[in-house]
Amino acid sequence: MPTADTQNLADDVPPHHVARLADPRTTTPPGTLTIFSDIWCSFAHVALHRLHSTRERLGLTERIRINHRAFPLELFNDGPSPRRGTDSEVGGIAHIEPDAGWQMWRSPDWKFPSTSLFALEAVQLAKEQGPAAAEALDLAIRRAFWAHSRPIGARSEIITLARETPEVREELIAAGLDDGRARRLVTLDFECARRHQVRCSPHVFASDGREWANPGVEATWHGAYGTGFPTITRDDPNAWETILRTADELAEQR
């Protein structure tokens, strides 16, 4: 996992935000999977597609909810994700889950997002409208970037995506982005990930402390990110069925 030499972002945390810094291994409630991820992470795009489709197939959509937490790669890497890196991931990773929706970047170069923070903030704001709203907006933003080359680094694009997502009230997302309250949530997630060894995007936690880093998928990089390319060395799409059945069993025990 990349690291950054940054100041302690947890200084002077308001009391109502202290719980956000707690270990996800001990604070994930039954009936929930906590997932740390970034929007422009291709492995997370695979994971969330598999989670949603497997959850629907097992009939667990209303029983198991997703608690999205931010794993902001640009804070870990102290800079944005380069277009050449994400394009190389499409070439090396998309084939294991083509139905998730992929394409090499097709919009003008100047529209390629220089940040994913607005997107990560919007998902946290959508939680205020309920878990289904956050899940729907998160998935919509991922597909917009990976499958449709939409400029998710722009506030206006995030508002448009919120408008296009039936579960979400766009005006509430716009208000939250403008007052800035979700930026603190994202930076606290960053601090939480550093404190508690959240290793990568995606990293999944169940209510009994079990965890899965990049579930079912392993890869090797050839060359540096942005100039090299990845190859998949292990792929087990059934890993998500195991994770969801585990979460369902834990929900039954509560």
Foldseek 3Di string as FASTA:
>chain_A
DFADPDDQLCPPPPPVCPCLLDALLAPADFLEKEKEAFLLDVLLLVVLVLLVVLCVVVVCPVRHFYHYAYQFVCNRVVFFADLLQSQLCCVAPCVVPVVSAADRQDDDPVLAARGRLLVNLLLVLLCVLPRVSSSQLSSQSSNCCGHPNGRNNDNVVSLVSQVVRVSHDSVSSNVCVVVVPSSSRNVSSNSSCVVRVCDHGIKMYANNSDIDRSFFWDWDWDDDRSPTHIHTPTGDSCRSVVVVVVSSVRNVVD
